[in-house]
Amino acid sequence: MLQLSRSNLEVFNSIQKKLVRTLKENQLIKDRVKGLMTIKGVGEVTALTWVLEISEPERFSSIRQAMS
């Protein structure tokens, strides 16, 4: 079984914060993340994941299709 030590978790958290900060330097990503975070229950990581996965929401004919 894989066990993470406290120092491994600290390294992971540090890398995650740097990655999020770097991605948010892109103004388009930053704006989309900010907009998604206005939805109750959507945090920074969830919003960032959606933005990166969907990429161009305009390619969907409806928001319902983009969310499925």
PDB file of N, CA and C in Angstrom:
ATOM      1  N   MET A   1       0.845  -1.179   0.000  1.00  0.00           N
ATOM      2  CA  MET A   1       0.000   0.000   0.000  1.00  0.00           C
ATOM      3  C   MET A   1       0.893   1.246   0.000  1.00  0.00           C
ATOM      4  N   LEU A   2       0.485   2.212  -0.779  1.00  0.00           N
ATOM      5  CA  LEU A   2       1.255   3.452  -0.888  1.00  0.00           C
ATOM      6  C   LEU A   2       0.975   4.359   0.301  1.00  0.00           C
ATOM      7  N   GLN A   3       2.033   4.801   0.922  1.00  0.00           N
ATOM      8  CA  GLN A   3       1.886   5.721   2.045  1.00  0.00           C
ATOM      9  C   GLN A   3       2.672   6.987   1.737  1.00  0.00           C
ATOM     10  N   LEU A   4       2.010   8.102   1.876  1.00  0.00           N
ATOM     11  CA  LEU A   4       2.672   9.380   1.647  1.00  0.00           C
ATOM     12  C   LEU A   4       3.109   9.965   2.976  1.00  0.00           C
ATOM     13  N   SER A   5       4.334  10.380   3.019  1.00  0.00           N
ATOM     14  CA  SER A   5       4.820  11.023   4.233  1.00  0.00           C
ATOM     15  C   SER A   5       4.397  12.485   4.231  1.00  0.00           C
ATOM     16  N   ARG A   6       4.513  13.093   5.357  1.00  0.00           N
ATOM     17  CA  ARG A   6       4.168  14.509   5.489  1.00  0.00           C
ATOM     18  C   ARG A   6       4.994  15.365   4.528  1.00  0.00           C
ATOM     19  N   SER A   7       6.276  15.053   4.392  1.00  0.00           N
ATOM     20  CA  SER A   7       7.126  15.840   3.494  1.00  0.00           C
ATOM     21  C   SER A   7       6.710  15.656   2.039  1.00  0.00           C
ATOM     22  N   ASN A   8       6.287  14.442   1.657  1.00  0.00           N
ATOM     23  CA  ASN A   8       5.790  14.218   0.297  1.00  0.00           C
ATOM     24  C   ASN A   8       4.532  15.040   0.039  1.00  0.00           C
ATOM     25  N   LEU A   9       3.639  15.090   1.010  1.00  0.00           N
ATOM     26  CA  LEU A   9       2.416  15.876   0.861  1.00  0.00           C
ATOM     27  C   LEU A   9       2.729  17.360   0.748  1.00  0.00           C
ATOM     28  N   GLU A  10       3.705  17.828   1.514  1.00  0.00           N
ATOM     29  CA  GLU A  10       4.097  19.232   1.441  1.00  0.00           C
ATOM     30  C   GLU A  10       4.676  19.561   0.068  1.00  0.00           C
ATOM     31  N   VAL A  11       5.482  18.662  -0.483  1.00  0.00           N
ATOM     32  CA  VAL A  11       6.043  18.865  -1.825  1.00  0.00           C
ATOM     33  C   VAL A  11       4.918  18.888  -2.852  1.00  0.00           C
ATOM     34  N   PHE A  12       3.999  17.935  -2.757  1.00  0.00           N
ATOM     35  CA  PHE A  12       2.863  17.885  -3.678  1.00  0.00           C
ATOM     36  C   PHE A  12       2.048  19.173  -3.610  1.00  0.00           C
ATOM     37  N   ASN A  13       1.731  19.635  -2.414  1.00  0.00           N
ATOM     38  CA  ASN A  13       0.956  20.865  -2.254  1.00  0.00           C
ATOM     39  C   ASN A  13       1.690  22.058  -2.835  1.00  0.00           C
ATOM     40  N   SER A  14       2.993  22.120  -2.650  1.00  0.00           N
ATOM     41  CA  SER A  14       3.797  23.209  -3.198  1.00  0.00           C
ATOM     42  C   SER A  14       3.765  23.200  -4.725  1.00  0.00           C
ATOM     43  N   ILE A  15       3.915  22.024  -5.314  1.00  0.00           N
ATOM     44  CA  ILE A  15       3.875  21.896  -6.775  1.00  0.00           C
ATOM     45  C   ILE A  15       2.501  22.271  -7.300  1.00  0.00           C
ATOM     46  N   GLN A  16       1.444  21.827  -6.613  1.00  0.00           N
ATOM     47  CA  GLN A  16       0.083  22.142  -7.042  1.00  0.00           C
ATOM     48  C   GLN A  16      -0.148  23.650  -7.025  1.00  0.00           C
ATOM     49  N   LYS A  17       0.287  24.327  -5.981  1.00  0.00           N
ATOM     50  CA  LYS A  17       0.112  25.776  -5.886  1.00  0.00           C
ATOM     51  C   LYS A  17       0.859  26.496  -6.998  1.00  0.00           C
ATOM     52  N   LYS A  18       2.083  26.050  -7.293  1.00  0.00           N
ATOM     53  CA  LYS A  18       2.861  26.666  -8.373  1.00  0.00           C
ATOM     54  C   LYS A  18       2.190  26.447  -9.716  1.00  0.00           C
ATOM     55  N   LEU A  19       1.668  25.249  -9.939  1.00  0.00           N
ATOM     56  CA  LEU A  19       0.995  24.932 -11.190  1.00  0.00           C
ATOM     57  C   LEU A  19      -0.250  25.789 -11.368  1.00  0.00           C
ATOM     58  N   VAL A  20      -1.068  25.885 -10.339  1.00  0.00           N
ATOM     59  CA  VAL A  20      -2.282  26.706 -10.401  1.00  0.00           C
ATOM     60  C   VAL A  20      -1.916  28.163 -10.654  1.00  0.00           C
ATOM     61  N   ARG A  21      -0.924  28.666  -9.952  1.00  0.00           N
ATOM     62  CA  ARG A  21      -0.490  30.054 -10.120  1.00  0.00           C
ATOM     63  C   ARG A  21      -0.002  30.304 -11.556  1.00  0.00           C
ATOM     64  N   THR A  22       0.771  29.376 -12.098  1.00  0.00           N
ATOM     65  CA  THR A  22       1.289  29.515 -13.460  1.00  0.00           C
ATOM     66  C   THR A  22       0.165  29.480 -14.482  1.00  0.00           C
ATOM     67  N   LEU A  23      -0.770  28.555 -14.328  1.00  0.00           N
ATOM     68  CA  LEU A  23      -1.889  28.464 -15.264  1.00  0.00           C
ATOM     69  C   LEU A  23      -2.746  29.726 -15.228  1.00  0.00           C
ATOM     70  N   LYS A  24      -2.913  30.291 -14.034  1.00  0.00           N
ATOM     71  CA  LYS A  24      -3.757  31.479 -13.902  1.00  0.00           C
ATOM     72  C   LYS A  24      -3.079  32.747 -14.417  1.00  0.00           C
ATOM     73  N   GLU A  25      -1.824  32.667 -14.826  1.00  0.00           N
ATOM     74  CA  GLU A  25      -1.175  33.815 -15.447  1.00  0.00           C
ATOM     75  C   GLU A  25      -1.749  34.068 -16.833  1.00  0.00           C
ATOM     76  N   ASN A  26      -2.360  33.040 -17.426  1.00  0.00           N
ATOM     77  CA  ASN A  26      -3.034  33.183 -18.710  1.00  0.00           C
ATOM     78  C   ASN A  26      -4.360  33.898 -18.452  1.00  0.00           C
ATOM     79  N   GLN A  27      -4.552  35.065 -19.055  1.00  0.00           N
ATOM     80  CA  GLN A  27      -5.724  35.892 -18.758  1.00  0.00           C
ATOM     81  C   GLN A  27      -7.040  35.194 -19.088  1.00  0.00           C
ATOM     82  N   LEU A  28      -7.091  34.456 -20.191  1.00  0.00           N
ATOM     83  CA  LEU A  28      -8.323  33.753 -20.563  1.00  0.00           C
ATOM     84  C   LEU A  28      -8.675  32.701 -19.512  1.00  0.00           C
ATOM     85  N   ILE A  29      -7.683  31.928 -19.095  1.00  0.00           N
ATOM     86  CA  ILE A  29      -7.910  30.922 -18.053  1.00  0.00           C
ATOM     87  C   ILE A  29      -8.337  31.603 -16.762  1.00  0.00           C
ATOM     88  N   LYS A  30      -7.642  32.667 -16.401  1.00  0.00           N
ATOM     89  CA  LYS A  30      -7.946  33.399 -15.165  1.00  0.00           C
ATOM     90  C   LYS A  30      -9.389  33.898 -15.166  1.00  0.00           C
ATOM     91  N   ASP A  31      -9.826  34.481 -16.278  1.00  0.00           N
ATOM     92  CA  ASP A  31     -11.191  35.010 -16.371  1.00  0.00           C
ATOM     93  C   ASP A  31     -12.236  33.904 -16.280  1.00  0.00           C
ATOM     94  N   ARG A  32     -11.985  32.798 -16.961  1.00  0.00           N
ATOM     95  CA  ARG A  32     -12.946  31.688 -16.930  1.00  0.00           C
ATOM     96  C   ARG A  32     -13.030  31.060 -15.542  1.00  0.00           C
ATOM     97  N   VAL A  33     -11.886  30.896 -14.899  1.00  0.00           N
ATOM     98  CA  VAL A  33     -11.869  30.339 -13.541  1.00  0.00           C
ATOM     99  C   VAL A  33     -12.628  31.258 -12.597  1.00  0.00           C
ATOM    100  N   LYS A  34     -12.377  32.553 -12.711  1.00  0.00           N
ATOM    101  CA  LYS A  34     -13.055  33.532 -11.851  1.00  0.00           C
ATOM    102  C   LYS A  34     -14.571  33.451 -12.037  1.00  0.00           C
ATOM    103  N   GLY A  35     -15.015  33.348 -13.281  1.00  0.00           N
ATOM    104  CA  GLY A  35     -16.446  33.246 -13.560  1.00  0.00           C
ATOM    105  C   GLY A  35     -17.061  31.981 -12.985  1.00  0.00           C
ATOM    106  N   LEU A  36     -16.380  30.860 -13.159  1.00  0.00           N
ATOM    107  CA  LEU A  36     -16.901  29.595 -12.643  1.00  0.00           C
ATOM    108  C   LEU A  36     -16.952  29.571 -11.128  1.00  0.00           C
ATOM    109  N   MET A  37     -16.014  30.260 -10.490  1.00  0.00           N
ATOM    110  CA  MET A  37     -15.978  30.265  -9.028  1.00  0.00           C
ATOM    111  C   MET A  37     -17.111  31.084  -8.414  1.00  0.00           C
ATOM    112  N   THR A  38     -17.864  31.802  -9.238  1.00  0.00           N
ATOM    113  CA  THR A  38     -19.038  32.503  -8.712  1.00  0.00           C
ATOM    114  C   THR A  38     -20.190  31.527  -8.460  1.00  0.00           C
ATOM    115  N   ILE A  39     -20.058  30.312  -8.979  1.00  0.00           N
ATOM    116  CA  ILE A  39     -21.064  29.273  -8.758  1.00  0.00           C
ATOM    117  C   ILE A  39     -20.811  28.647  -7.389  1.00  0.00           C
ATOM    118  N   LYS A  40     -21.836  28.603  -6.570  1.00  0.00           N
ATOM    119  CA  LYS A  40     -21.712  28.052  -5.215  1.00  0.00           C
ATOM    120  C   LYS A  40     -21.186  26.618  -5.275  1.00  0.00           C
ATOM    121  N   GLY A  41     -20.151  26.356  -4.497  1.00  0.00           N
ATOM    122  CA  GLY A  41     -19.578  25.020  -4.419  1.00  0.00           C
ATOM    123  C   GLY A  41     -18.451  24.751  -5.402  1.00  0.00           C
ATOM    124  N   VAL A  42     -18.189  25.692  -6.307  1.00  0.00           N
ATOM    125  CA  VAL A  42     -17.102  25.519  -7.273  1.00  0.00           C
ATOM    126  C   VAL A  42     -15.876  26.257  -6.761  1.00  0.00           C
ATOM    127  N   GLY A  43     -14.842  25.494  -6.456  1.00  0.00           N
ATOM    128  CA  GLY A  43     -13.594  26.077  -5.977  1.00  0.00           C
ATOM    129  C   GLY A  43     -12.594  26.232  -7.107  1.00  0.00           C
ATOM    130  N   GLU A  44     -11.424  26.695  -6.740  1.00  0.00           N
ATOM    131  CA  GLU A  44     -10.391  26.996  -7.728  1.00  0.00           C
ATOM    132  C   GLU A  44      -9.957  25.764  -8.532  1.00  0.00           C
ATOM    133  N   VAL A  45      -9.727  24.654  -7.854  1.00  0.00           N
ATOM    134  CA  VAL A  45      -9.251  23.456  -8.552  1.00  0.00           C
ATOM    135  C   VAL A  45     -10.333  22.900  -9.473  1.00  0.00           C
ATOM    136  N   THR A  46     -11.578  22.870  -9.016  1.00  0.00           N
ATOM    137  CA  THR A  46     -12.681  22.391  -9.851  1.00  0.00           C
ATOM    138  C   THR A  46     -12.850  23.277 -11.076  1.00  0.00           C
ATOM    139  N   ALA A  47     -12.842  24.589 -10.869  1.00  0.00           N
ATOM    140  CA  ALA A  47     -12.995  25.527 -11.983  1.00  0.00           C
ATOM    141  C   ALA A  47     -11.844  25.387 -12.968  1.00  0.00           C
ATOM    142  N   LEU A  48     -10.642  25.303 -12.468  1.00  0.00           N
ATOM    143  CA  LEU A  48      -9.469  25.177 -13.328  1.00  0.00           C
ATOM    144  C   LEU A  48      -9.511  23.870 -14.117  1.00  0.00           C
ATOM    145  N   THR A  49      -9.918  22.798 -13.472  1.00  0.00           N
ATOM    146  CA  THR A  49     -10.035  21.509 -14.153  1.00  0.00           C
ATOM    147  C   THR A  49     -11.049  21.594 -15.284  1.00  0.00           C
ATOM    148  N   TRP A  50     -12.198  22.213 -15.029  1.00  0.00           N
ATOM    149  CA  TRP A  50     -13.241  22.338 -16.054  1.00  0.00           C
ATOM    150  C   TRP A  50     -12.734  23.179 -17.220  1.00  0.00           C
ATOM    151  N   VAL A  51     -12.095  24.287 -16.917  1.00  0.00           N
ATOM    152  CA  VAL A  51     -11.573  25.174 -17.967  1.00  0.00           C
ATOM    153  C   VAL A  51     -10.569  24.428 -18.842  1.00  0.00           C
ATOM    154  N   LEU A  52      -9.674  23.676 -18.232  1.00  0.00           N
ATOM    155  CA  LEU A  52      -8.656  22.962 -18.995  1.00  0.00           C
ATOM    156  C   LEU A  52      -9.238  21.785 -19.773  1.00  0.00           C
ATOM    157  N   GLU A  53     -10.236  21.124 -19.228  1.00  0.00           N
ATOM    158  CA  GLU A  53     -10.853  19.985 -19.918  1.00  0.00           C
ATOM    159  C   GLU A  53     -11.725  20.438 -21.086  1.00  0.00           C
ATOM    160  N   ILE A  54     -12.524  21.461 -20.876  1.00  0.00           N
ATOM    161  CA  ILE A  54     -13.465  21.919 -21.900  1.00  0.00           C
ATOM    162  C   ILE A  54     -12.758  22.744 -22.965  1.00  0.00           C
ATOM    163  N   SER A  55     -11.803  23.535 -22.553  1.00  0.00           N
ATOM    164  CA  SER A  55     -11.003  24.378 -23.440  1.00  0.00           C
ATOM    165  C   SER A  55     -11.847  25.465 -24.108  1.00  0.00           C
ATOM    166  N   GLU A  56     -12.614  25.120 -25.102  1.00  0.00           N
ATOM    167  CA  GLU A  56     -13.434  26.095 -25.830  1.00  0.00           C
ATOM    168  C   GLU A  56     -14.913  25.754 -25.662  1.00  0.00           C
ATOM    169  N   PRO A  57     -15.590  26.330 -24.671  1.00  0.00           N
ATOM    170  CA  PRO A  57     -17.005  25.983 -24.459  1.00  0.00           C
ATOM    171  C   PRO A  57     -17.897  26.381 -25.633  1.00  0.00           C
ATOM    172  N   GLU A  58     -17.416  27.292 -26.466  1.00  0.00           N
ATOM    173  CA  GLU A  58     -18.201  27.742 -27.619  1.00  0.00           C
ATOM    174  C   GLU A  58     -18.425  26.622 -28.631  1.00  0.00           C
ATOM    175  N   ARG A  59     -17.621  25.579 -28.559  1.00  0.00           N
ATOM    176  CA  ARG A  59     -17.765  24.484 -29.524  1.00  0.00           C
ATOM    177  C   ARG A  59     -18.998  23.625 -29.247  1.00  0.00           C
ATOM    178  N   PHE A  60     -19.631  23.821 -28.104  1.00  0.00           N
ATOM    179  CA  PHE A  60     -20.845  23.093 -27.758  1.00  0.00           C
ATOM    180  C   PHE A  60     -22.062  23.924 -28.135  1.00  0.00           C
ATOM    181  N   SER A  61     -23.114  23.243 -28.548  1.00  0.00           N
ATOM    182  CA  SER A  61     -24.319  23.962 -28.963  1.00  0.00           C
ATOM    183  C   SER A  61     -25.118  24.497 -27.781  1.00  0.00           C
ATOM    184  N   SER A  62     -24.891  23.942 -26.588  1.00  0.00           N
ATOM    185  CA  SER A  62     -25.591  24.422 -25.399  1.00  0.00           C
ATOM    186  C   SER A  62     -24.723  24.184 -24.168  1.00  0.00           C
ATOM    187  N   ILE A  63     -25.009  24.912 -23.110  1.00  0.00           N
ATOM    188  CA  ILE A  63     -24.276  24.728 -21.860  1.00  0.00           C
ATOM    189  C   ILE A  63     -24.538  23.337 -21.295  1.00  0.00           C
ATOM    190  N   ARG A  64     -25.745  22.832 -21.517  1.00  0.00           N
ATOM    191  CA  ARG A  64     -26.096  21.478 -21.057  1.00  0.00           C
ATOM    192  C   ARG A  64     -25.173  20.444 -21.704  1.00  0.00           C
ATOM    193  N   GLN A  65     -24.903  20.629 -22.992  1.00  0.00           N
ATOM    194  CA  GLN A  65     -24.015  19.713 -23.701  1.00  0.00           C
ATOM    195  C   GLN A  65     -22.580  19.829 -23.175  1.00  0.00           C
ATOM    196  N   ALA A  66     -22.150  21.031 -22.862  1.00  0.00           N
ATOM    197  CA  ALA A  66     -20.796  21.244 -22.338  1.00  0.00           C
ATOM    198  C   ALA A  66     -20.631  20.599 -20.969  1.00  0.00           C
ATOM    199  N   MET A  67     -21.697  20.540 -20.201  1.00  0.00           N
ATOM    200  CA  MET A  67     -21.628  20.000 -18.841  1.00  0.00           C
ATOM    201  C   MET A  67     -21.768  18.484 -18.798  1.00  0.00           C
ATOM    202  N   SER A  68     -22.205  17.874 -19.893  1.00  0.00           N
ATOM    203  CA  SER A  68     -22.410  16.415 -19.863  1.00  0.00           C
ATOM    204  C   SER A  68     -21.134  15.646 -20.100  1.00  0.00           C
TER     205      SER A  68
END
